[in-house]
């Protein structure tokens, strides 16, 4: 360090204060973590809040910044998982997004916020908004969250938007296995909308693309379901049998095969109308014994 002793003194004093402050914050964080591990989540949360109050919202040195991020993450997790205060948890996760944009911590905070909205607050559109922000980015999870958005629209019976999101995935990540998942979802959306021809075309295109075996089996199952609905029972059985070897739930396929066979058997009369050979049995009758 250069400069006169008088010039260096304020800097050394500031550095000493920083070391003391960091040591105090670290102890507060450790005490809060200990309270959490001891089953005292409210005390833990108060500890995290004390750390956050001391560090504030402004620019920090790297070590203090790490303490603040940890305190935010722990406060959010305690609020969500142990105190079931979902609104408070969301507020902490949002602060992570605001203070650490573009980081892995930010997208994880968005992902959990989406889960809270869907599973706890039953607001699926708010959940979609969180996941769509992840999907719009360039992070490693973007494609997975694009598929998650598409599936959520499918659950909401917004079939057109589900297909739109699936198409976006296929266009942005055409070589990903998730693109095949999106194609399957497209076929499912057409099927649920009772658009059988479009569904069959989408599913046939997926099978022709030769996706991984379990995905191809699910597409074949969907085609078989459609064939059965149309009364094409032999075709349905053919498709189910093709799906069986690689299907992730083979018992489901075996049950479907059994039901379609029973349905086919019931639809075939034991005596065909107009069958003269049956109506007039000309076989010689056995001679009666006296």
Protein backbone atom coordinates (compact mmCIF):
# COMPACT_ATOMS: atom_id res chain seq x y z
CA UNK A 1 0.00 0.00 0.00
CA UNK A 2 1.48 3.35 -1.06
CA UNK A 3 1.12 6.84 0.39
CA UNK A 4 1.98 8.51 3.65
CA UNK A 5 0.99 6.99 7.00
CA UNK A 6 -1.62 9.74 7.42
CA UNK A 7 -3.18 8.87 4.05
CA UNK A 8 -3.13 5.13 4.76
CA UNK A 9 -4.77 5.39 8.16
CA UNK A 10 -8.38 6.01 6.96
CA UNK A 11 -8.13 3.14 4.53
CA UNK A 12 -6.81 0.76 7.17
CA UNK A 13 -9.55 1.88 9.56
CA UNK A 14 -12.24 1.27 6.89
CA UNK A 15 -10.79 -2.17 6.17
CA UNK A 16 -10.82 -3.02 9.86
CA UNK A 17 -14.46 -1.96 10.14
CA UNK A 18 -15.30 -4.10 7.12
CA UNK A 19 -13.63 -7.14 8.68
CA UNK A 20 -15.50 -6.59 11.95
CA UNK A 21 -18.80 -6.08 10.14
CA UNK A 22 -18.35 -9.21 8.06
CA UNK A 23 -17.47 -11.18 11.16
CA UNK A 24 -20.65 -9.97 12.86
CA UNK A 25 -22.82 -10.79 9.88
CA UNK A 26 -21.23 -14.22 9.56
CA UNK A 27 -22.00 -14.98 13.22
CA UNK A 28 -25.59 -13.79 12.79
CA UNK A 29 -25.98 -16.04 9.77
CA UNK A 30 -24.50 -19.02 11.62
CA UNK A 31 -26.78 -18.41 14.62
CA UNK A 32 -29.82 -18.22 12.34
CA UNK A 33 -28.84 -21.47 10.63
CA UNK A 34 -28.40 -23.14 14.01
CA UNK A 35 -31.87 -22.01 15.05
CA UNK A 36 -33.29 -23.47 11.88
CA UNK A 37 -31.55 -26.80 12.41
CA UNK A 38 -32.85 -26.82 16.01
CA UNK A 39 -36.43 -26.58 14.75
CA UNK A 40 -36.93 -22.89 15.50
CA UNK A 41 -37.80 -21.48 12.07
CA UNK A 42 -39.22 -18.19 13.38
CA UNK A 43 -36.05 -17.44 15.29
CA UNK A 44 -34.07 -18.38 12.20
CA UNK A 45 -36.09 -16.02 10.07
CA UNK A 46 -35.54 -13.17 12.52
CA UNK A 47 -31.82 -13.84 12.28
CA UNK A 48 -31.86 -13.74 8.49
CA UNK A 49 -33.90 -10.55 8.58
CA UNK A 50 -31.31 -8.98 10.90
CA UNK A 51 -28.54 -9.82 8.43
CA UNK A 52 -30.55 -8.37 5.55
CA UNK A 53 -31.33 -5.23 7.54
CA UNK A 54 -27.66 -4.67 8.26
CA UNK A 55 -26.50 -5.26 4.68
CA UNK A 56 -29.24 -3.27 2.93
CA UNK A 57 -30.07 -3.20 -0.78
CA UNK A 58 -27.09 -1.35 -2.26
CA UNK A 59 -23.80 -2.40 -3.80
CA UNK A 60 -21.69 -4.59 -1.55
CA UNK A 61 -18.20 -6.04 -1.47
CA UNK A 62 -18.11 -9.65 -2.73
CA UNK A 63 -18.06 -11.28 0.72
CA UNK A 64 -20.94 -9.19 2.04
CA UNK A 65 -22.81 -9.75 -1.21
CA UNK A 66 -22.51 -13.50 -0.69
CA UNK A 67 -23.85 -13.18 2.85
CA UNK A 68 -26.83 -11.19 1.63
CA UNK A 69 -27.63 -13.70 -1.09
CA UNK A 70 -27.44 -16.58 1.37
CA UNK A 71 -29.64 -14.74 3.88
CA UNK A 72 -32.22 -14.03 1.16
CA UNK A 73 -32.23 -17.62 -0.01
CA UNK A 74 -32.50 -19.04 3.51
CA UNK A 75 -35.23 -16.56 4.48
CA UNK A 76 -37.21 -17.48 1.37
CA UNK A 77 -36.81 -21.20 1.97
CA UNK A 78 -37.79 -20.99 5.64
CA UNK A 79 -40.85 -18.90 4.79
CA UNK A 80 -41.91 -21.36 2.09
CA UNK A 81 -41.02 -24.77 3.47
CA UNK A 82 -41.29 -24.39 7.23
CA UNK A 83 -43.58 -21.45 7.94
CA UNK A 84 -45.90 -21.84 4.92
CA UNK A 85 -45.92 -18.07 4.52
CA UNK A 86 -46.08 -18.17 0.74
CA UNK A 87 -46.53 -14.44 0.16
CA UNK A 88 -43.47 -13.64 2.26
CA UNK A 89 -41.48 -16.36 0.50
CA UNK A 90 -42.34 -14.88 -2.88
CA UNK A 91 -41.18 -11.45 -1.73
CA UNK A 92 -37.75 -12.84 -0.80
CA UNK A 93 -37.44 -14.79 -4.05
CA UNK A 94 -38.33 -11.62 -5.96
CA UNK A 95 -35.57 -9.74 -4.19
CA UNK A 96 -33.12 -12.39 -5.34
CA UNK A 97 -34.31 -11.89 -8.93
CA UNK A 98 -34.03 -8.11 -8.61
CA UNK A 99 -30.60 -8.02 -6.94
CA UNK A 100 -28.97 -10.89 -8.87
CA UNK A 101 -30.48 -10.78 -12.39
CA UNK A 102 -29.25 -13.27 -14.94
CA UNK A 103 -27.73 -15.61 -12.37
CA UNK A 104 -28.55 -19.23 -11.62
CA UNK A 105 -29.90 -18.10 -8.25
CA UNK A 106 -32.33 -15.78 -10.06
CA UNK A 107 -33.77 -18.45 -12.34
CA UNK A 108 -34.03 -20.90 -9.44
CA UNK A 109 -35.94 -18.22 -7.50
CA UNK A 110 -38.30 -17.77 -10.46
CA UNK A 111 -38.77 -21.52 -10.76
CA UNK A 112 -39.70 -21.91 -7.10
CA UNK A 113 -41.96 -18.86 -7.27
CA UNK A 114 -43.80 -20.53 -10.14
CA UNK A 115 -44.20 -23.70 -8.09
CA UNK A 116 -45.65 -21.70 -5.20
CA UNK A 117 -48.12 -19.93 -7.46
CA UNK A 118 -49.32 -23.18 -9.03
CA UNK A 119 -49.21 -25.63 -6.12
CA UNK A 120 -49.93 -23.40 -3.13
CA UNK A 121 -51.78 -20.33 -4.40
CA UNK A 122 -53.52 -22.12 -7.30
CA UNK A 123 -52.71 -19.30 -9.72
CA UNK A 124 -51.53 -21.14 -12.80
CA UNK A 125 -51.25 -18.08 -15.03
CA UNK A 126 -48.92 -16.42 -12.50
CA UNK A 127 -46.86 -19.63 -12.49
CA UNK A 128 -46.68 -19.59 -16.28
CA UNK A 129 -45.42 -16.00 -16.20
CA UNK A 130 -42.50 -17.02 -13.97
CA UNK A 131 -41.57 -20.07 -16.05
CA UNK A 132 -41.94 -18.16 -19.32
CA UNK A 133 -39.28 -15.71 -18.12
CA UNK A 134 -36.88 -18.62 -17.61
CA UNK A 135 -37.80 -20.07 -21.01
CA UNK A 136 -37.14 -16.74 -22.73
CA UNK A 137 -33.55 -16.65 -21.48
CA UNK A 138 -30.46 -18.50 -22.59
CA UNK A 139 -29.91 -20.53 -19.44
CA UNK A 140 -29.45 -24.30 -19.43
CA UNK A 141 -33.01 -24.85 -18.21
CA UNK A 142 -34.73 -22.65 -20.81
CA UNK A 143 -35.96 -25.50 -23.03
CA UNK A 144 -37.25 -27.49 -20.06
CA UNK A 145 -39.27 -24.53 -18.86
CA UNK A 146 -40.62 -23.88 -22.34
CA UNK A 147 -41.97 -27.43 -22.26
CA UNK A 148 -43.31 -26.82 -18.75
CA UNK A 149 -45.20 -23.77 -20.03
CA UNK A 150 -46.64 -25.80 -22.92
CA UNK A 151 -47.78 -28.56 -20.56
CA UNK A 152 -49.40 -26.05 -18.23
CA UNK A 153 -51.43 -24.59 -21.11
CA UNK A 154 -52.44 -28.14 -22.03
CA UNK A 155 -53.67 -28.68 -18.46
CA UNK A 156 -55.62 -25.43 -18.72
CA UNK A 157 -57.22 -26.76 -21.94
CA UNK A 158 -55.81 -23.85 -23.92
CA UNK A 159 -54.87 -26.22 -26.71
CA UNK A 160 -53.91 -23.61 -29.29
CA UNK A 161 -51.47 -21.89 -26.92
CA UNK A 162 -50.07 -25.27 -25.87
CA UNK A 163 -49.29 -26.02 -29.52
CA UNK A 164 -47.78 -22.55 -29.96
CA UNK A 165 -45.42 -23.05 -27.03
CA UNK A 166 -44.52 -26.52 -28.32
CA UNK A 167 -43.72 -25.07 -31.73
CA UNK A 168 -41.49 -22.41 -30.16
CA UNK A 169 -39.55 -25.15 -28.39
CA UNK A 170 -39.10 -27.17 -31.58
CA UNK A 171 -37.90 -24.11 -33.47
CA UNK A 172 -35.46 -22.89 -30.81
CA UNK A 173 -34.06 -26.30 -29.83
CA UNK A 174 -34.67 -28.55 -32.86
CA UNK A 175 -32.02 -31.13 -31.93
CA UNK A 176 -33.07 -31.48 -28.30
CA UNK A 177 -34.94 -34.54 -27.06
CA UNK A 178 -37.38 -32.05 -25.59
CA UNK A 179 -38.35 -31.11 -29.15
CA UNK A 180 -39.71 -34.65 -29.51
CA UNK A 181 -41.58 -34.23 -26.22
CA UNK A 182 -43.06 -31.04 -27.65
CA UNK A 183 -44.17 -32.92 -30.78
CA UNK A 184 -45.91 -35.51 -28.62
CA UNK A 185 -47.64 -32.73 -26.72
CA UNK A 186 -48.79 -31.25 -30.03
CA UNK A 187 -50.43 -34.54 -30.94
CA UNK A 188 -52.04 -34.77 -27.52
CA UNK A 189 -53.43 -31.25 -27.85
CA UNK A 190 -55.02 -32.08 -31.22
CA UNK A 191 -56.45 -35.30 -29.76
CA UNK A 192 -57.97 -33.55 -26.75
CA UNK A 193 -59.56 -31.07 -29.14
CA UNK A 194 -61.13 -34.03 -31.02
CA UNK A 195 -59.13 -33.18 -34.14
CA UNK A 196 -58.28 -36.79 -34.94
CA UNK A 197 -56.69 -36.31 -38.36
CA UNK A 198 -54.36 -33.57 -37.13
CA UNK A 199 -53.49 -35.61 -34.05
CA UNK A 200 -52.64 -38.69 -36.10
CA UNK A 201 -50.44 -36.65 -38.44
CA UNK A 202 -48.53 -35.09 -35.55
CA UNK A 203 -48.03 -38.46 -33.84
CA UNK A 204 -47.03 -40.22 -37.06
CA UNK A 205 -44.45 -37.49 -37.73
CA UNK A 206 -42.99 -38.09 -34.27
CA UNK A 207 -42.73 -41.86 -34.77
CA UNK A 208 -41.14 -41.33 -38.20
CA UNK A 209 -38.54 -39.05 -36.58
CA UNK A 210 -37.35 -42.06 -34.53
CA UNK A 211 -37.28 -40.53 -31.06
CA UNK A 212 -36.01 -42.44 -28.06
CA UNK A 213 -37.89 -45.74 -27.64
CA UNK A 214 -40.09 -44.82 -24.66
CA UNK A 215 -41.24 -41.64 -26.38
CA UNK A 216 -42.05 -43.51 -29.58
CA UNK A 217 -44.05 -46.00 -27.49
CA UNK A 218 -46.09 -43.20 -25.94
CA UNK A 219 -46.81 -41.81 -29.41
CA UNK A 220 -47.92 -45.26 -30.60
CA UNK A 221 -50.15 -45.57 -27.55
CA UNK A 222 -51.78 -42.23 -28.36
CA UNK A 223 -52.36 -43.35 -31.95
CA UNK A 224 -53.86 -46.61 -30.68
CA UNK A 225 -56.20 -44.71 -28.36
CA UNK A 226 -57.45 -42.66 -31.29
CA UNK A 227 -57.95 -45.75 -33.44
CA UNK A 228 -59.94 -47.40 -30.65
CA UNK A 229 -62.12 -44.31 -30.28
CA UNK A 230 -62.94 -44.52 -33.98
CA UNK A 231 -63.81 -48.19 -33.70
CA UNK A 232 -60.74 -49.35 -35.65
CA UNK A 233 -60.10 -52.10 -33.15
CA UNK A 234 -57.69 -54.27 -35.16
CA UNK A 235 -55.57 -51.21 -35.94
CA UNK A 236 -55.65 -50.20 -32.27
CA UNK A 237 -54.43 -53.66 -31.22
CA UNK A 238 -51.63 -53.50 -33.79
CA UNK A 239 -50.44 -50.14 -32.44
CA UNK A 240 -50.71 -51.17 -28.81
CA UNK A 241 -48.59 -54.25 -29.51
CA UNK A 242 -45.96 -52.08 -31.18
CA UNK A 243 -45.93 -49.79 -28.14
CA UNK A 244 -45.74 -52.55 -25.53
CA UNK A 245 -42.01 -53.51 -25.57
CA UNK A 246 -40.70 -50.00 -24.85
CA UNK A 247 -43.55 -48.36 -23.00
CA UNK A 248 -42.62 -46.93 -19.55
CA UNK A 249 -45.80 -48.41 -18.07
CA UNK A 250 -46.40 -51.71 -19.88
CA UNK A 251 -49.24 -52.74 -17.56
CA UNK A 252 -51.27 -49.83 -18.91
CA UNK A 253 -50.79 -51.14 -22.45
CA UNK A 254 -51.66 -54.72 -21.48
CA UNK A 255 -54.87 -53.49 -19.88
CA UNK A 256 -55.72 -51.46 -22.99
CA UNK A 257 -55.10 -54.51 -25.20
CA UNK A 258 -57.35 -56.64 -23.01
CA UNK A 259 -60.17 -54.10 -23.13
CA UNK A 260 -59.98 -53.64 -26.89
CA UNK A 261 -59.97 -57.42 -27.42
CA UNK A 262 -63.04 -57.78 -25.21
CA UNK A 263 -64.75 -54.98 -27.10
CA UNK A 264 -63.91 -56.59 -30.43
CA UNK A 265 -65.20 -59.96 -29.25
CA UNK A 266 -68.46 -58.44 -28.06
CA UNK A 267 -68.95 -56.76 -31.41
CA UNK A 268 -68.75 -60.07 -33.29
CA UNK A 269 -72.02 -62.05 -33.15
CA UNK A 270 -71.73 -65.75 -32.41
CA UNK A 271 -74.15 -66.52 -35.29
CA UNK A 272 -73.89 -64.49 -38.43
CA UNK A 273 -77.33 -63.42 -39.75
CA UNK A 274 -78.17 -65.32 -42.94
CA UNK A 275 -75.75 -68.14 -42.27
CA UNK A 276 -77.74 -71.04 -43.75
CA UNK A 277 -75.18 -73.63 -42.68
CA UNK A 278 -75.76 -72.70 -39.07
CA UNK A 279 -79.52 -72.28 -39.41
CA UNK A 280 -79.95 -75.68 -41.13
CA UNK A 281 -77.49 -77.98 -39.49
CA UNK A 282 -77.31 -80.91 -41.94
CA UNK A 283 -74.93 -82.99 -39.90
CA UNK A 284 -76.29 -86.53 -39.34
CA UNK A 285 -77.83 -86.98 -35.93
CA UNK A 286 -76.66 -89.87 -33.79
CA UNK A 287 -78.93 -92.95 -33.87
CA UNK A 288 -80.92 -93.44 -30.74
CA UNK A 289 -80.19 -96.57 -28.73
CA UNK A 290 -83.25 -98.70 -28.20
